[in-house]
Amino acid sequence: MHALVATLSLALALTGLPFPAPRLVQVTDRTKCDMGVVIAVDAAKSEMRATTPAGVVTYKTGPDVQVFEKDGQPLGAVSKLQQGQRVRVYYYVDNGAIAQEIDIE
């Protein structure tokens, strides 16, 4: 019974998010989510640029940013993303947009 209550509580909490829940990242009050299309990935600068409804956004990335395929399987590093892919980027703002997780749509 406790497991059912915990599961329902979690489901209700997640549906309260203003965006789809990430696969791995722990959501905090700082977590933001953008949906867009990859323009470029620059591994040397640890950056990914995407076109979003708000315009072009540059996300700072790093080796710990996990990328997930449509089916939920890990893809690996941000460098495996390709121009034109539709993505959902979970990030927070701290002197720029810092990516935490990227899901391919």
PDB file of N, CA and C in Angstrom:
ATOM      1  N   MET A   1       0.805  -1.190   0.000  1.00  0.00           N
ATOM      2  CA  MET A   1       0.000   0.000   0.000  1.00  0.00           C
ATOM      3  C   MET A   1       0.858   1.269   0.000  1.00  0.00           C
ATOM      4  N   HIS A   2       1.942   1.251   0.799  1.00  0.00           N
ATOM      5  CA  HIS A   2       2.825   2.419   0.845  1.00  0.00           C
ATOM      6  C   HIS A   2       3.471   2.671  -0.510  1.00  0.00           C
ATOM      7  N   ALA A   3       3.818   1.590  -1.220  1.00  0.00           N
ATOM      8  CA  ALA A   3       4.440   1.741  -2.533  1.00  0.00           C
ATOM      9  C   ALA A   3       3.465   2.396  -3.512  1.00  0.00           C
ATOM     10  N   LEU A   4       2.201   2.023  -3.440  1.00  0.00           N
ATOM     11  CA  LEU A   4       1.188   2.601  -4.318  1.00  0.00           C
ATOM     12  C   LEU A   4       1.015   4.092  -4.032  1.00  0.00           C
ATOM     13  N   VAL A   5       0.964   4.453  -2.764  1.00  0.00           N
ATOM     14  CA  VAL A   5       0.825   5.854  -2.389  1.00  0.00           C
ATOM     15  C   VAL A   5       2.042   6.653  -2.859  1.00  0.00           C
ATOM     16  N   ALA A   6       3.242   6.087  -2.676  1.00  0.00           N
ATOM     17  CA  ALA A   6       4.465   6.763  -3.118  1.00  0.00           C
ATOM     18  C   ALA A   6       4.468   6.938  -4.626  1.00  0.00           C
ATOM     19  N   THR A   7       4.050   5.923  -5.362  1.00  0.00           N
ATOM     20  CA  THR A   7       4.014   5.992  -6.822  1.00  0.00           C
ATOM     21  C   THR A   7       3.018   7.048  -7.287  1.00  0.00           C
ATOM     22  N   LEU A   8       1.850   7.063  -6.675  1.00  0.00           N
ATOM     23  CA  LEU A   8       0.850   8.067  -7.048  1.00  0.00           C
ATOM     24  C   LEU A   8       1.311   9.473  -6.704  1.00  0.00           C
ATOM     25  N   SER A   9       1.973   9.629  -5.560  1.00  0.00           N
ATOM     26  CA  SER A   9       2.496  10.938  -5.171  1.00  0.00           C
ATOM     27  C   SER A   9       3.535  11.426  -6.168  1.00  0.00           C
ATOM     28  N   LEU A  10       4.415  10.515  -6.583  1.00  0.00           N
ATOM     29  CA  LEU A  10       5.436  10.869  -7.568  1.00  0.00           C
ATOM     30  C   LEU A  10       4.793  11.250  -8.892  1.00  0.00           C
ATOM     31  N   ALA A  11       3.810  10.475  -9.330  1.00  0.00           N
ATOM     32  CA  ALA A  11       3.134  10.768 -10.597  1.00  0.00           C
ATOM     33  C   ALA A  11       2.471  12.141 -10.550  1.00  0.00           C
ATOM     34  N   LEU A  12       1.821  12.456  -9.444  1.00  0.00           N
ATOM     35  CA  LEU A  12       1.192  13.766  -9.305  1.00  0.00           C
ATOM     36  C   LEU A  12       2.229  14.880  -9.301  1.00  0.00           C
ATOM     37  N   ALA A  13       3.331  14.651  -8.620  1.00  0.00           N
ATOM     38  CA  ALA A  13       4.386  15.664  -8.578  1.00  0.00           C
ATOM     39  C   ALA A  13       4.956  15.906  -9.964  1.00  0.00           C
ATOM     40  N   LEU A  14       5.164  14.838 -10.719  1.00  0.00           N
ATOM     41  CA  LEU A  14       5.740  14.982 -12.051  1.00  0.00           C
ATOM     42  C   LEU A  14       4.773  15.648 -13.026  1.00  0.00           C
ATOM     43  N   THR A  15       3.486  15.389 -12.871  1.00  0.00           N
ATOM     44  CA  THR A  15       2.539  16.022 -13.787  1.00  0.00           C
ATOM     45  C   THR A  15       2.414  17.507 -13.512  1.00  0.00           C
ATOM     46  N   GLY A  16       2.894  17.957 -12.373  1.00  0.00           N
ATOM     47  CA  GLY A  16       2.862  19.372 -12.053  1.00  0.00           C
ATOM     48  C   GLY A  16       3.968  20.158 -12.737  1.00  0.00           C
ATOM     49  N   LEU A  17       4.885  19.484 -13.410  1.00  0.00           N
ATOM     50  CA  LEU A  17       5.969  20.165 -14.103  1.00  0.00           C
ATOM     51  C   LEU A  17       5.438  20.898 -15.328  1.00  0.00           C
ATOM     52  N   PRO A  18       6.008  22.031 -15.653  1.00  0.00           N
ATOM     53  CA  PRO A  18       5.581  22.753 -16.855  1.00  0.00           C
ATOM     54  C   PRO A  18       6.193  22.178 -18.138  1.00  0.00           C
ATOM     55  N   PHE A  19       6.914  21.052 -18.012  1.00  0.00           N
ATOM     56  CA  PHE A  19       7.547  20.402 -19.165  1.00  0.00           C
ATOM     57  C   PHE A  19       7.616  18.904 -18.886  1.00  0.00           C
ATOM     58  N   PRO A  20       7.849  18.083 -19.939  1.00  0.00           N
ATOM     59  CA  PRO A  20       7.968  16.636 -19.713  1.00  0.00           C
ATOM     60  C   PRO A  20       9.131  16.335 -18.769  1.00  0.00           C
ATOM     61  N   ALA A  21       8.953  15.357 -17.917  1.00  0.00           N
ATOM     62  CA  ALA A  21       9.988  15.003 -16.944  1.00  0.00           C
ATOM     63  C   ALA A  21      11.234  14.458 -17.648  1.00  0.00           C
ATOM     64  N   PRO A  22      12.416  14.841 -17.181  1.00  0.00           N
ATOM     65  CA  PRO A  22      13.653  14.294 -17.750  1.00  0.00           C
ATOM     66  C   PRO A  22      13.820  12.827 -17.360  1.00  0.00           C
ATOM     67  N   ARG A  23      14.680  12.132 -18.072  1.00  0.00           N
ATOM     68  CA  ARG A  23      14.915  10.712 -17.809  1.00  0.00           C
ATOM     69  C   ARG A  23      15.867  10.502 -16.637  1.00  0.00           C
ATOM     70  N   LEU A  24      16.852  11.377 -16.473  1.00  0.00           N
ATOM     71  CA  LEU A  24      17.905  11.159 -15.492  1.00  0.00           C
ATOM     72  C   LEU A  24      18.065  12.304 -14.501  1.00  0.00           C
ATOM     73  N   VAL A  25      17.991  13.512 -14.975  1.00  0.00           N
ATOM     74  CA  VAL A  25      18.255  14.692 -14.157  1.00  0.00           C
ATOM     75  C   VAL A  25      17.212  14.829 -13.047  1.00  0.00           C
ATOM     76  N   GLN A  26      17.683  15.169 -11.881  1.00  0.00           N
ATOM     77  CA  GLN A  26      16.794  15.465 -10.763  1.00  0.00           C
ATOM     78  C   GLN A  26      16.282  16.900 -10.932  1.00  0.00           C
ATOM     79  N   VAL A  27      14.983  17.067 -11.033  1.00  0.00           N
ATOM     80  CA  VAL A  27      14.394  18.387 -11.241  1.00  0.00           C
ATOM     81  C   VAL A  27      14.463  19.203  -9.949  1.00  0.00           C
ATOM     82  N   THR A  28      14.895  20.457 -10.088  1.00  0.00           N
ATOM     83  CA  THR A  28      14.904  21.394  -8.964  1.00  0.00           C
ATOM     84  C   THR A  28      14.128  22.636  -9.383  1.00  0.00           C
ATOM     85  N   ASP A  29      14.057  23.607  -8.510  1.00  0.00           N
ATOM     86  CA  ASP A  29      13.374  24.853  -8.858  1.00  0.00           C
ATOM     87  C   ASP A  29      14.150  25.654  -9.900  1.00  0.00           C
ATOM     88  N   ARG A  30      15.401  25.290 -10.164  1.00  0.00           N
ATOM     89  CA  ARG A  30      16.221  25.974 -11.178  1.00  0.00           C
ATOM     90  C   ARG A  30      16.137  25.304 -12.548  1.00  0.00           C
ATOM     91  N   THR A  31      15.590  24.097 -12.611  1.00  0.00           N
ATOM     92  CA  THR A  31      15.557  23.337 -13.862  1.00  0.00           C
ATOM     93  C   THR A  31      14.620  23.995 -14.871  1.00  0.00           C
ATOM     94  N   LYS A  32      15.131  24.145 -16.085  1.00  0.00           N
ATOM     95  CA  LYS A  32      14.357  24.686 -17.197  1.00  0.00           C
ATOM     96  C   LYS A  32      14.415  23.672 -18.339  1.00  0.00           C
ATOM     97  N   CYS A  33      13.528  23.826 -19.295  1.00  0.00           N
ATOM     98  CA  CYS A  33      13.490  22.910 -20.434  1.00  0.00           C
ATOM     99  C   CYS A  33      13.175  23.691 -21.702  1.00  0.00           C
ATOM    100  N   ASP A  34      13.979  23.475 -22.729  1.00  0.00           N
ATOM    101  CA  ASP A  34      13.730  24.048 -24.053  1.00  0.00           C
ATOM    102  C   ASP A  34      13.593  22.909 -25.050  1.00  0.00           C
ATOM    103  N   MET A  35      12.761  23.125 -26.058  1.00  0.00           N
ATOM    104  CA  MET A  35      12.659  22.192 -27.170  1.00  0.00           C
ATOM    105  C   MET A  35      13.126  22.932 -28.407  1.00  0.00           C
ATOM    106  N   GLY A  36      13.873  22.248 -29.249  1.00  0.00           N
ATOM    107  CA  GLY A  36      14.379  22.915 -30.430  1.00  0.00           C
ATOM    108  C   GLY A  36      15.072  21.967 -31.383  1.00  0.00           C
ATOM    109  N   VAL A  37      15.819  22.563 -32.299  1.00  0.00           N
ATOM    110  CA  VAL A  37      16.539  21.813 -33.337  1.00  0.00           C
ATOM    111  C   VAL A  37      18.017  22.162 -33.231  1.00  0.00           C
ATOM    112  N   VAL A  38      18.849  21.122 -33.241  1.00  0.00           N
ATOM    113  CA  VAL A  38      20.298  21.316 -33.140  1.00  0.00           C
ATOM    114  C   VAL A  38      20.805  22.052 -34.372  1.00  0.00           C
ATOM    115  N   ILE A  39      21.549  23.135 -34.125  1.00  0.00           N
ATOM    116  CA  ILE A  39      22.207  23.871 -35.207  1.00  0.00           C
ATOM    117  C   ILE A  39      23.644  23.389 -35.338  1.00  0.00           C
ATOM    118  N   ALA A  40      24.325  23.289 -34.201  1.00  0.00           N
ATOM    119  CA  ALA A  40      25.741  22.894 -34.221  1.00  0.00           C
ATOM    120  C   ALA A  40      26.163  22.397 -32.848  1.00  0.00           C
ATOM    121  N   VAL A  41      27.160  21.524 -32.858  1.00  0.00           N
ATOM    122  CA  VAL A  41      27.806  21.047 -31.638  1.00  0.00           C
ATOM    123  C   VAL A  41      29.290  21.342 -31.784  1.00  0.00           C
ATOM    124  N   ASP A  42      29.854  22.035 -30.809  1.00  0.00           N
ATOM    125  CA  ASP A  42      31.275  22.356 -30.824  1.00  0.00           C
ATOM    126  C   ASP A  42      31.917  21.705 -29.604  1.00  0.00           C
ATOM    127  N   ALA A  43      32.468  20.513 -29.794  1.00  0.00           N
ATOM    128  CA  ALA A  43      33.075  19.775 -28.686  1.00  0.00           C
ATOM    129  C   ALA A  43      34.268  20.504 -28.092  1.00  0.00           C
ATOM    130  N   ALA A  44      35.015  21.224 -28.923  1.00  0.00           N
ATOM    131  CA  ALA A  44      36.195  21.950 -28.432  1.00  0.00           C
ATOM    132  C   ALA A  44      35.804  23.052 -27.451  1.00  0.00           C
ATOM    133  N   LYS A  45      34.650  23.681 -27.693  1.00  0.00           N
ATOM    134  CA  LYS A  45      34.171  24.746 -26.804  1.00  0.00           C
ATOM    135  C   LYS A  45      33.179  24.225 -25.760  1.00  0.00           C
ATOM    136  N   SER A  46      32.860  22.935 -25.830  1.00  0.00           N
ATOM    137  CA  SER A  46      31.840  22.336 -24.953  1.00  0.00           C
ATOM    138  C   SER A  46      30.536  23.112 -25.047  1.00  0.00           C
ATOM    139  N   GLU A  47      30.042  23.258 -26.287  1.00  0.00           N
ATOM    140  CA  GLU A  47      28.810  23.988 -26.532  1.00  0.00           C
ATOM    141  C   GLU A  47      27.930  23.268 -27.542  1.00  0.00           C
ATOM    142  N   MET A  48      26.635  23.496 -27.423  1.00  0.00           N
ATOM    143  CA  MET A  48      25.672  23.059 -28.414  1.00  0.00           C
ATOM    144  C   MET A  48      24.733  24.229 -28.652  1.00  0.00           C
ATOM    145  N   ARG A  49      24.449  24.532 -29.913  1.00  0.00           N
ATOM    146  CA  ARG A  49      23.507  25.592 -30.256  1.00  0.00           C
ATOM    147  C   ARG A  49      22.259  24.964 -30.836  1.00  0.00           C
ATOM    148  N   ALA A  50      21.114  25.533 -30.445  1.00  0.00           N
ATOM    149  CA  ALA A  50      19.842  25.028 -30.951  1.00  0.00           C
ATOM    150  C   ALA A  50      18.901  26.194 -31.211  1.00  0.00           C
ATOM    151  N   THR A  51      18.038  26.011 -32.191  1.00  0.00           N
ATOM    152  CA  THR A  51      16.975  26.970 -32.458  1.00  0.00           C
ATOM    153  C   THR A  51      15.788  26.557 -31.609  1.00  0.00           C
ATOM    154  N   THR A  52      15.299  27.479 -30.778  1.00  0.00           N
ATOM    155  CA  THR A  52      14.159  27.227 -29.907  1.00  0.00           C
ATOM    156  C   THR A  52      13.077  28.253 -30.220  1.00  0.00           C
ATOM    157  N   PRO A  53      11.888  28.103 -29.649  1.00  0.00           N
ATOM    158  CA  PRO A  53      10.858  29.123 -29.869  1.00  0.00           C
ATOM    159  C   PRO A  53      11.304  30.527 -29.440  1.00  0.00           C
ATOM    160  N   ALA A  54      12.259  30.607 -28.507  1.00  0.00           N
ATOM    161  CA  ALA A  54      12.765  31.906 -28.056  1.00  0.00           C
ATOM    162  C   ALA A  54      13.900  32.428 -28.931  1.00  0.00           C
ATOM    163  N   GLY A  55      14.356  31.636 -29.886  1.00  0.00           N
ATOM    164  CA  GLY A  55      15.478  32.015 -30.743  1.00  0.00           C
ATOM    165  C   GLY A  55      16.625  31.034 -30.588  1.00  0.00           C
ATOM    166  N   VAL A  56      17.801  31.428 -31.054  1.00  0.00           N
ATOM    167  CA  VAL A  56      18.977  30.562 -30.963  1.00  0.00           C
ATOM    168  C   VAL A  56      19.540  30.644 -29.543  1.00  0.00           C
ATOM    169  N   VAL A  57      19.775  29.472 -28.948  1.00  0.00           N
ATOM    170  CA  VAL A  57      20.335  29.389 -27.601  1.00  0.00           C
ATOM    171  C   VAL A  57      21.617  28.574 -27.661  1.00  0.00           C
ATOM    172  N   THR A  58      22.640  29.054 -26.973  1.00  0.00           N
ATOM    173  CA  THR A  58      23.889  28.305 -26.834  1.00  0.00           C
ATOM    174  C   THR A  58      23.908  27.696 -25.443  1.00  0.00           C
ATOM    175  N   TYR A  59      24.016  26.372 -25.390  1.00  0.00           N
ATOM    176  CA  TYR A  59      24.055  25.640 -24.123  1.00  0.00           C
ATOM    177  C   TYR A  59      25.488  25.206 -23.853  1.00  0.00           C
ATOM    178  N   LYS A  60      25.966  25.446 -22.662  1.00  0.00           N
ATOM    179  CA  LYS A  60      27.264  24.927 -22.254  1.00  0.00           C
ATOM    180  C   LYS A  60      27.077  23.451 -21.927  1.00  0.00           C
ATOM    181  N   THR A  61      27.970  22.635 -22.446  1.00  0.00           N
ATOM    182  CA  THR A  61      27.875  21.189 -22.220  1.00  0.00           C
ATOM    183  C   THR A  61      29.186  20.709 -21.611  1.00  0.00           C
ATOM    184  N   GLY A  62      29.198  19.489 -21.224  1.00  0.00           N
ATOM    185  CA  GLY A  62      30.404  18.901 -20.666  1.00  0.00           C
ATOM    186  C   GLY A  62      30.321  17.392 -20.765  1.00  0.00           C
ATOM    187  N   PRO A  63      31.330  16.696 -20.301  1.00  0.00           N
ATOM    188  CA  PRO A  63      31.360  15.242 -20.422  1.00  0.00           C
ATOM    189  C   PRO A  63      30.285  14.536 -19.593  1.00  0.00           C
ATOM    190  N   ASP A  64      29.726  15.226 -18.609  1.00  0.00           N
ATOM    191  CA  ASP A  64      28.718  14.594 -17.758  1.00  0.00           C
ATOM    192  C   ASP A  64      27.291  14.767 -18.283  1.00  0.00           C
ATOM    193  N   VAL A  65      27.106  15.503 -19.371  1.00  0.00           N
ATOM    194  CA  VAL A  65      25.770  15.689 -19.945  1.00  0.00           C
ATOM    195  C   VAL A  65      25.393  14.436 -20.722  1.00  0.00           C
ATOM    196  N   GLN A  66      24.302  13.792 -20.298  1.00  0.00           N
ATOM    197  CA  GLN A  66      23.857  12.562 -20.939  1.00  0.00           C
ATOM    198  C   GLN A  66      22.847  12.882 -22.036  1.00  0.00           C
ATOM    199  N   VAL A  67      22.970  12.197 -23.167  1.00  0.00           N
ATOM    200  CA  VAL A  67      22.040  12.325 -24.281  1.00  0.00           C
ATOM    201  C   VAL A  67      21.276  11.014 -24.391  1.00  0.00           C
ATOM    202  N   PHE A  68      19.944  11.121 -24.549  1.00  0.00           N
ATOM    203  CA  PHE A  68      19.098   9.935 -24.656  1.00  0.00           C
ATOM    204  C   PHE A  68      18.414   9.882 -26.017  1.00  0.00           C
ATOM    205  N   GLU A  69      18.335   8.676 -26.577  1.00  0.00           N
ATOM    206  CA  GLU A  69      17.613   8.417 -27.828  1.00  0.00           C
ATOM    207  C   GLU A  69      16.111   8.549 -27.577  1.00  0.00           C
ATOM    208  N   LYS A  70      15.310   8.534 -28.656  1.00  0.00           N
ATOM    209  CA  LYS A  70      13.854   8.598 -28.541  1.00  0.00           C
ATOM    210  C   LYS A  70      13.301   7.483 -27.661  1.00  0.00           C
ATOM    211  N   ASP A  71      13.911   6.303 -27.768  1.00  0.00           N
ATOM    212  CA  ASP A  71      13.414   5.143 -27.022  1.00  0.00           C
ATOM    213  C   ASP A  71      13.908   5.108 -25.581  1.00  0.00           C
ATOM    214  N   GLY A  72      14.641   6.132 -25.160  1.00  0.00           N
ATOM    215  CA  GLY A  72      15.113   6.202 -23.783  1.00  0.00           C
ATOM    216  C   GLY A  72      16.495   5.616 -23.548  1.00  0.00           C
ATOM    217  N   GLN A  73      17.078   5.032 -24.576  1.00  0.00           N
ATOM    218  CA  GLN A  73      18.408   4.451 -24.436  1.00  0.00           C
ATOM    219  C   GLN A  73      19.472   5.550 -24.468  1.00  0.00           C
ATOM    220  N   PRO A  74      20.498   5.439 -23.644  1.00  0.00           N
ATOM    221  CA  PRO A  74      21.573   6.435 -23.667  1.00  0.00           C
ATOM    222  C   PRO A  74      22.287   6.432 -25.024  1.00  0.00           C
ATOM    223  N   LEU A  75      22.519   7.622 -25.562  1.00  0.00           N
ATOM    224  CA  LEU A  75      23.259   7.766 -26.813  1.00  0.00           C
ATOM    225  C   LEU A  75      24.733   7.995 -26.527  1.00  0.00           C
ATOM    226  N   GLY A  76      25.012   8.662 -25.413  1.00  0.00           N
ATOM    227  CA  GLY A  76      26.394   8.959 -25.070  1.00  0.00           C
ATOM    228  C   GLY A  76      26.618  10.452 -24.993  1.00  0.00           C
ATOM    229  N   ALA A  77      27.741  10.883 -25.493  1.00  0.00           N
ATOM    230  CA  ALA A  77      28.175  12.275 -25.382  1.00  0.00           C
ATOM    231  C   ALA A  77      27.402  13.199 -26.325  1.00  0.00           C
ATOM    232  N   VAL A  78      27.409  14.469 -25.998  1.00  0.00           N
ATOM    233  CA  VAL A  78      26.764  15.504 -26.805  1.00  0.00           C
ATOM    234  C   VAL A  78      27.344  15.528 -28.209  1.00  0.00           C
ATOM    235  N   SER A  79      28.604  15.171 -28.362  1.00  0.00           N
ATOM    236  CA  SER A  79      29.253  15.190 -29.678  1.00  0.00           C
ATOM    237  C   SER A  79      28.579  14.243 -30.678  1.00  0.00           C
ATOM    238  N   LYS A  80      27.740  13.319 -30.207  1.00  0.00           N
ATOM    239  CA  LYS A  80      27.047  12.396 -31.106  1.00  0.00           C
ATOM    240  C   LYS A  80      25.779  12.998 -31.706  1.00  0.00           C
ATOM    241  N   LEU A  81      25.370  14.166 -31.202  1.00  0.00           N
ATOM    242  CA  LEU A  81      24.207  14.832 -31.779  1.00  0.00           C
ATOM    243  C   LEU A  81      24.543  15.332 -33.177  1.00  0.00           C
ATOM    244  N   GLN A  82      23.518  15.390 -34.030  1.00  0.00           N
ATOM    245  CA  GLN A  82      23.721  15.851 -35.399  1.00  0.00           C
ATOM    246  C   GLN A  82      22.842  17.051 -35.703  1.00  0.00           C
ATOM    247  N   GLN A  83      23.336  17.897 -36.573  1.00  0.00           N
ATOM    248  CA  GLN A  83      22.584  19.057 -37.009  1.00  0.00           C
ATOM    249  C   GLN A  83      21.222  18.614 -37.527  1.00  0.00           C
ATOM    250  N   GLY A  84      20.178  19.341 -37.139  1.00  0.00           N
ATOM    251  CA  GLY A  84      18.829  19.039 -37.611  1.00  0.00           C
ATOM    252  C   GLY A  84      18.024  18.149 -36.676  1.00  0.00           C
ATOM    253  N   GLN A  85      18.658  17.538 -35.684  1.00  0.00           N
ATOM    254  CA  GLN A  85      17.917  16.685 -34.760  1.00  0.00           C
ATOM    255  C   GLN A  85      17.063  17.539 -33.833  1.00  0.00           C
ATOM    256  N   ARG A  86      15.831  17.080 -33.604  1.00  0.00           N
ATOM    257  CA  ARG A  86      14.940  17.744 -32.655  1.00  0.00           C
ATOM    258  C   ARG A  86      15.299  17.238 -31.262  1.00  0.00           C
ATOM    259  N   VAL A  87      15.459  18.159 -30.327  1.00  0.00           N
ATOM    260  CA  VAL A  87      15.884  17.793 -28.973  1.00  0.00           C
ATOM    261  C   VAL A  87      15.070  18.531 -27.912  1.00  0.00           C
ATOM    262  N   ARG A  88      15.108  17.966 -26.732  1.00  0.00           N
ATOM    263  CA  ARG A  88      14.587  18.612 -25.535  1.00  0.00           C
ATOM    264  C   ARG A  88      15.786  18.762 -24.607  1.00  0.00           C
ATOM    265  N   VAL A  89      16.098  19.988 -24.198  1.00  0.00           N
ATOM    266  CA  VAL A  89      17.286  20.260 -23.384  1.00  0.00           C
ATOM    267  C   VAL A  89      16.850  20.678 -21.980  1.00  0.00           C
ATOM    268  N   TYR A  90      17.324  19.938 -20.994  1.00  0.00           N
ATOM    269  CA  TYR A  90      17.095  20.293 -19.597  1.00  0.00           C
ATOM    270  C   TYR A  90      18.347  21.021 -19.121  1.00  0.00           C
ATOM    271  N   TYR A  91      18.164  22.202 -18.532  1.00  0.00           N
ATOM    272  CA  TYR A  91      19.311  23.041 -18.187  1.00  0.00           C
ATOM    273  C   TYR A  91      18.965  23.942 -17.006  1.00  0.00           C
ATOM    274  N   TYR A  92      19.956  24.624 -16.518  1.00  0.00           N
ATOM    275  CA  TYR A  92      19.751  25.690 -15.538  1.00  0.00           C
ATOM    276  C   TYR A  92      20.598  26.876 -15.983  1.00  0.00           C
ATOM    277  N   VAL A  93      20.295  28.037 -15.448  1.00  0.00           N
ATOM    278  CA  VAL A  93      21.004  29.252 -15.842  1.00  0.00           C
ATOM    279  C   VAL A  93      21.974  29.649 -14.735  1.00  0.00           C
ATOM    280  N   ASP A  94      23.245  29.757 -15.102  1.00  0.00           N
ATOM    281  CA  ASP A  94      24.289  30.224 -14.194  1.00  0.00           C
ATOM    282  C   ASP A  94      25.400  30.786 -15.069  1.00  0.00           C
ATOM    283  N   ASN A  95      25.305  32.075 -15.368  1.00  0.00           N
ATOM    284  CA  ASN A  95      26.243  32.702 -16.300  1.00  0.00           C
ATOM    285  C   ASN A  95      26.146  32.013 -17.663  1.00  0.00           C
ATOM    286  N   GLY A  96      24.924  31.791 -18.101  1.00  0.00           N
ATOM    287  CA  GLY A  96      24.648  31.098 -19.353  1.00  0.00           C
ATOM    288  C   GLY A  96      23.789  29.874 -19.093  1.00  0.00           C
ATOM    289  N   ALA A  97      23.329  29.252 -20.162  1.00  0.00           N
ATOM    290  CA  ALA A  97      22.509  28.042 -20.064  1.00  0.00           C
ATOM    291  C   ALA A  97      23.427  26.829 -19.934  1.00  0.00           C
ATOM    292  N   ILE A  98      23.336  26.125 -18.823  1.00  0.00           N
ATOM    293  CA  ILE A  98      24.177  24.949 -18.552  1.00  0.00           C
ATOM    294  C   ILE A  98      23.340  23.694 -18.750  1.00  0.00           C
ATOM    295  N   ALA A  99      23.615  22.936 -19.818  1.00  0.00           N
ATOM    296  CA  ALA A  99      22.856  21.719 -20.113  1.00  0.00           C
ATOM    297  C   ALA A  99      23.134  20.646 -19.066  1.00  0.00           C
ATOM    298  N   GLN A 100      22.071  19.928 -18.690  1.00  0.00           N
ATOM    299  CA  GLN A 100      22.197  18.807 -17.767  1.00  0.00           C
ATOM    300  C   GLN A 100      21.830  17.479 -18.443  1.00  0.00           C
ATOM    301  N   GLU A 101      20.859  17.540 -19.347  1.00  0.00           N
ATOM    302  CA  GLU A 101      20.402  16.340 -20.056  1.00  0.00           C
ATOM    303  C   GLU A 101      19.816  16.788 -21.383  1.00  0.00           C
ATOM    304  N   ILE A 102      20.012  15.960 -22.420  1.00  0.00           N
ATOM    305  CA  ILE A 102      19.446  16.251 -23.733  1.00  0.00           C
ATOM    306  C   ILE A 102      18.742  14.988 -24.215  1.00  0.00           C
ATOM    307  N   ASP A 103      17.456  15.136 -24.546  1.00  0.00           N
ATOM    308  CA  ASP A 103      16.665  14.009 -25.051  1.00  0.00           C
ATOM    309  C   ASP A 103      16.332  14.268 -26.511  1.00  0.00           C
ATOM    310  N   ILE A 104      16.593  13.289 -27.363  1.00  0.00           N
ATOM    311  CA  ILE A 104      16.237  13.396 -28.782  1.00  0.00           C
ATOM    312  C   ILE A 104      14.747  13.106 -28.898  1.00  0.00           C
ATOM    313  N   GLU A 105      14.062  13.935 -29.664  1.00  0.00           N
ATOM    314  CA  GLU A 105      12.605  13.753 -29.839  1.00  0.00           C
ATOM    315  C   GLU A 105      12.311  13.016 -31.118  1.00  0.00           C
TER     316      GLU A 105
END
